[in-house]
Amino acid sequence: MKKLLWIFFPFLLFGQEAFISYSEYGQMLYQNPRGISCVQCHGKNGEGISIIKYKEGDKLKELRGADIRNMNLISMQKALNAYHKVMPRYYLTNKEIEAIYDYLKVKNSF
């Protein structure tokens, strides 16, 4: 029994609950949720970037990803669970949305 305890002691002492941190999980989801990256339209920091420029009649128009840096968690959850004409729905869980939200808050706090 003592030998068994010595074998598992390092794992108990240095073991972590998860292989990645909550922030890393949020980063992973933001950069690649369900195969399409949030960063492609919302930018590295959530600032929103140009997706495409096009001409309509004689006017030059631009489709931009929304700036989500100052969005609160409830608004983000509603936006991600709603239908949009341009943005696909990813069917993220509330925990996944919270991880993305926390990642953006940490990233933009510096």
C-alpha atoms as a PDB file:
ATOM      1  CA  MET A   1       0.000   0.000   0.000  1.00  0.00           C
ATOM      2  CA  LYS A   2       2.840   2.403   0.833  1.00  0.00           C
ATOM      3  CA  LYS A   3       4.480   1.693  -2.529  1.00  0.00           C
ATOM      4  CA  LEU A   4       1.232   2.414  -4.293  1.00  0.00           C
ATOM      5  CA  LEU A   5       0.931   5.709  -2.435  1.00  0.00           C
ATOM      6  CA  TRP A   6       4.460   6.729  -3.488  1.00  0.00           C
ATOM      7  CA  ILE A   7       3.674   5.912  -7.101  1.00  0.00           C
ATOM      8  CA  PHE A   8       0.556   8.112  -7.196  1.00  0.00           C
ATOM      9  CA  PHE A   9       1.810  10.893  -4.890  1.00  0.00           C
ATOM     10  CA  PRO A  10       3.483  12.956  -7.688  1.00  0.00           C
ATOM     11  CA  PHE A  11       0.296  12.792  -9.760  1.00  0.00           C
ATOM     12  CA  LEU A  12      -1.797  13.955  -6.821  1.00  0.00           C
ATOM     13  CA  LEU A  13       0.669  16.705  -5.977  1.00  0.00           C
ATOM     14  CA  PHE A  14       1.291  18.076  -9.458  1.00  0.00           C
ATOM     15  CA  GLY A  15      -1.831  16.976 -11.317  1.00  0.00           C
ATOM     16  CA  GLN A  16      -4.142  19.621 -12.697  1.00  0.00           C
ATOM     17  CA  GLU A  17      -7.878  19.536 -13.233  1.00  0.00           C
ATOM     18  CA  ALA A  18      -7.594  20.286 -16.931  1.00  0.00           C
ATOM     19  CA  PHE A  19      -4.997  20.026 -19.655  1.00  0.00           C
ATOM     20  CA  ILE A  20      -5.625  23.629 -20.717  1.00  0.00           C
ATOM     21  CA  SER A  21      -6.692  26.693 -18.762  1.00  0.00           C
ATOM     22  CA  TYR A  22     -10.123  28.287 -19.119  1.00  0.00           C
ATOM     23  CA  SER A  23      -8.533  31.219 -20.962  1.00  0.00           C
ATOM     24  CA  GLU A  24      -6.738  28.867 -23.362  1.00  0.00           C
ATOM     25  CA  TYR A  25     -10.034  27.080 -23.958  1.00  0.00           C
ATOM     26  CA  GLY A  26     -11.691  30.417 -24.770  1.00  0.00           C
ATOM     27  CA  GLN A  27      -8.830  31.290 -27.114  1.00  0.00           C
ATOM     28  CA  MET A  28      -9.136  27.939 -28.878  1.00  0.00           C
ATOM     29  CA  LEU A  29     -12.878  28.428 -29.341  1.00  0.00           C
ATOM     30  CA  TYR A  30     -12.460  32.028 -30.544  1.00  0.00           C
ATOM     31  CA  GLN A  31      -9.847  31.041 -33.077  1.00  0.00           C
ATOM     32  CA  ASN A  32     -11.603  27.914 -34.327  1.00  0.00           C
ATOM     33  CA  PRO A  33     -15.136  27.108 -33.107  1.00  0.00           C
ATOM     34  CA  ARG A  34     -16.683  24.325 -35.134  1.00  0.00           C
ATOM     35  CA  GLY A  35     -14.201  24.824 -37.972  1.00  0.00           C
ATOM     36  CA  ILE A  36     -14.753  28.535 -38.719  1.00  0.00           C
ATOM     37  CA  SER A  37     -12.820  31.170 -36.835  1.00  0.00           C
ATOM     38  CA  CYS A  38     -14.442  34.143 -35.027  1.00  0.00           C
ATOM     39  CA  VAL A  39     -11.151  35.950 -35.621  1.00  0.00           C
ATOM     40  CA  GLN A  40     -11.731  35.987 -39.398  1.00  0.00           C
ATOM     41  CA  CYS A  41     -14.576  38.507 -39.033  1.00  0.00           C
ATOM     42  CA  HIS A  42     -14.211  39.946 -35.522  1.00  0.00           C
ATOM     43  CA  GLY A  43     -10.414  40.352 -35.557  1.00  0.00           C
ATOM     44  CA  LYS A  44      -7.717  39.259 -33.115  1.00  0.00           C
ATOM     45  CA  ASN A  45      -9.105  41.388 -30.296  1.00  0.00           C
ATOM     46  CA  GLY A  46     -12.802  41.417 -31.203  1.00  0.00           C
ATOM     47  CA  GLU A  47     -12.543  44.835 -32.870  1.00  0.00           C
ATOM     48  CA  GLY A  48     -14.398  43.806 -36.035  1.00  0.00           C
ATOM     49  CA  ILE A  49     -12.674  43.774 -39.406  1.00  0.00           C
ATOM     50  CA  SER A  50     -13.606  44.187 -43.042  1.00  0.00           C
ATOM     51  CA  ILE A  51     -15.001  40.980 -44.506  1.00  0.00           C
ATOM     52  CA  ILE A  52     -15.651  42.189 -48.038  1.00  0.00           C
ATOM     53  CA  LYS A  53     -15.983  45.400 -50.031  1.00  0.00           C
ATOM     54  CA  TYR A  54     -18.477  45.472 -52.878  1.00  0.00           C
ATOM     55  CA  LYS A  55     -20.158  47.872 -55.227  1.00  0.00           C
ATOM     56  CA  GLU A  56     -23.912  48.403 -55.136  1.00  0.00           C
ATOM     57  CA  GLY A  57     -24.981  50.663 -57.956  1.00  0.00           C
ATOM     58  CA  ASP A  58     -22.484  53.491 -57.908  1.00  0.00           C
ATOM     59  CA  LYS A  59     -21.731  53.168 -54.168  1.00  0.00           C
ATOM     60  CA  LEU A  60     -18.833  51.248 -52.641  1.00  0.00           C
ATOM     61  CA  LYS A  61     -20.049  49.295 -49.613  1.00  0.00           C
ATOM     62  CA  GLU A  62     -18.305  47.243 -46.977  1.00  0.00           C
ATOM     63  CA  LEU A  63     -19.424  44.307 -44.860  1.00  0.00           C
ATOM     64  CA  ARG A  64     -17.677  44.318 -41.478  1.00  0.00           C
ATOM     65  CA  GLY A  65     -17.661  41.949 -38.544  1.00  0.00           C
ATOM     66  CA  ALA A  66     -19.161  43.539 -35.440  1.00  0.00           C
ATOM     67  CA  ASP A  67     -16.951  45.037 -32.729  1.00  0.00           C
ATOM     68  CA  ILE A  68     -17.582  42.699 -29.787  1.00  0.00           C
ATOM     69  CA  ARG A  69     -14.985  44.069 -27.332  1.00  0.00           C
ATOM     70  CA  ASN A  70     -17.511  45.939 -25.172  1.00  0.00           C
ATOM     71  CA  MET A  71     -20.328  43.421 -25.434  1.00  0.00           C
ATOM     72  CA  ASN A  72     -21.592  42.050 -22.118  1.00  0.00           C
ATOM     73  CA  LEU A  73     -21.998  38.318 -21.545  1.00  0.00           C
ATOM     74  CA  ILE A  74     -25.797  38.267 -21.855  1.00  0.00           C
ATOM     75  CA  SER A  75     -25.694  40.191 -25.146  1.00  0.00           C
ATOM     76  CA  MET A  76     -23.013  37.837 -26.458  1.00  0.00           C
ATOM     77  CA  GLN A  77     -25.082  34.789 -25.504  1.00  0.00           C
ATOM     78  CA  LYS A  78     -28.167  36.239 -27.212  1.00  0.00           C
ATOM     79  CA  ALA A  79     -26.187  37.175 -30.336  1.00  0.00           C
ATOM     80  CA  LEU A  80     -24.581  33.748 -30.634  1.00  0.00           C
ATOM     81  CA  ASN A  81     -27.896  31.958 -30.207  1.00  0.00           C
ATOM     82  CA  ALA A  82     -29.829  34.165 -32.649  1.00  0.00           C
ATOM     83  CA  TYR A  83     -30.269  33.853 -36.398  1.00  0.00           C
ATOM     84  CA  HIS A  84     -28.115  36.210 -38.498  1.00  0.00           C
ATOM     85  CA  LYS A  85     -28.111  36.754 -42.251  1.00  0.00           C
ATOM     86  CA  VAL A  86     -24.313  36.655 -42.467  1.00  0.00           C
ATOM     87  CA  MET A  87     -22.894  35.008 -39.338  1.00  0.00           C
ATOM     88  CA  PRO A  88     -23.348  31.246 -39.120  1.00  0.00           C
ATOM     89  CA  ARG A  89     -24.737  29.678 -35.966  1.00  0.00           C
ATOM     90  CA  TYR A  90     -22.226  27.556 -34.068  1.00  0.00           C
ATOM     91  CA  TYR A  91     -24.495  26.027 -31.400  1.00  0.00           C
ATOM     92  CA  LEU A  92     -22.050  26.853 -28.624  1.00  0.00           C
ATOM     93  CA  THR A  93     -22.906  25.924 -25.052  1.00  0.00           C
ATOM     94  CA  ASN A  94     -23.193  28.641 -22.404  1.00  0.00           C
ATOM     95  CA  LYS A  95     -19.859  27.462 -20.941  1.00  0.00           C
ATOM     96  CA  GLU A  96     -18.194  27.826 -24.347  1.00  0.00           C
ATOM     97  CA  ILE A  97     -19.641  31.320 -24.793  1.00  0.00           C
ATOM     98  CA  GLU A  98     -18.455  32.257 -21.285  1.00  0.00           C
ATOM     99  CA  ALA A  99     -14.954  30.985 -22.120  1.00  0.00           C
ATOM    100  CA  ILE A 100     -14.847  33.111 -25.295  1.00  0.00           C
ATOM    101  CA  TYR A 101     -16.191  36.120 -23.381  1.00  0.00           C
ATOM    102  CA  ASP A 102     -13.584  35.705 -20.623  1.00  0.00           C
ATOM    103  CA  TYR A 103     -10.807  35.275 -23.187  1.00  0.00           C
ATOM    104  CA  LEU A 104     -11.766  38.542 -24.921  1.00  0.00           C
ATOM    105  CA  LYS A 105     -12.047  40.423 -21.609  1.00  0.00           C
ATOM    106  CA  VAL A 106      -8.578  39.260 -20.527  1.00  0.00           C
ATOM    107  CA  LYS A 107      -7.091  39.939 -23.966  1.00  0.00           C
ATOM    108  CA  ASN A 108      -8.506  43.485 -24.090  1.00  0.00           C
ATOM    109  CA  SER A 109      -7.695  44.442 -20.495  1.00  0.00           C
ATOM    110  CA  PHE A 110      -4.062  45.349 -21.282  1.00  0.00           C
END
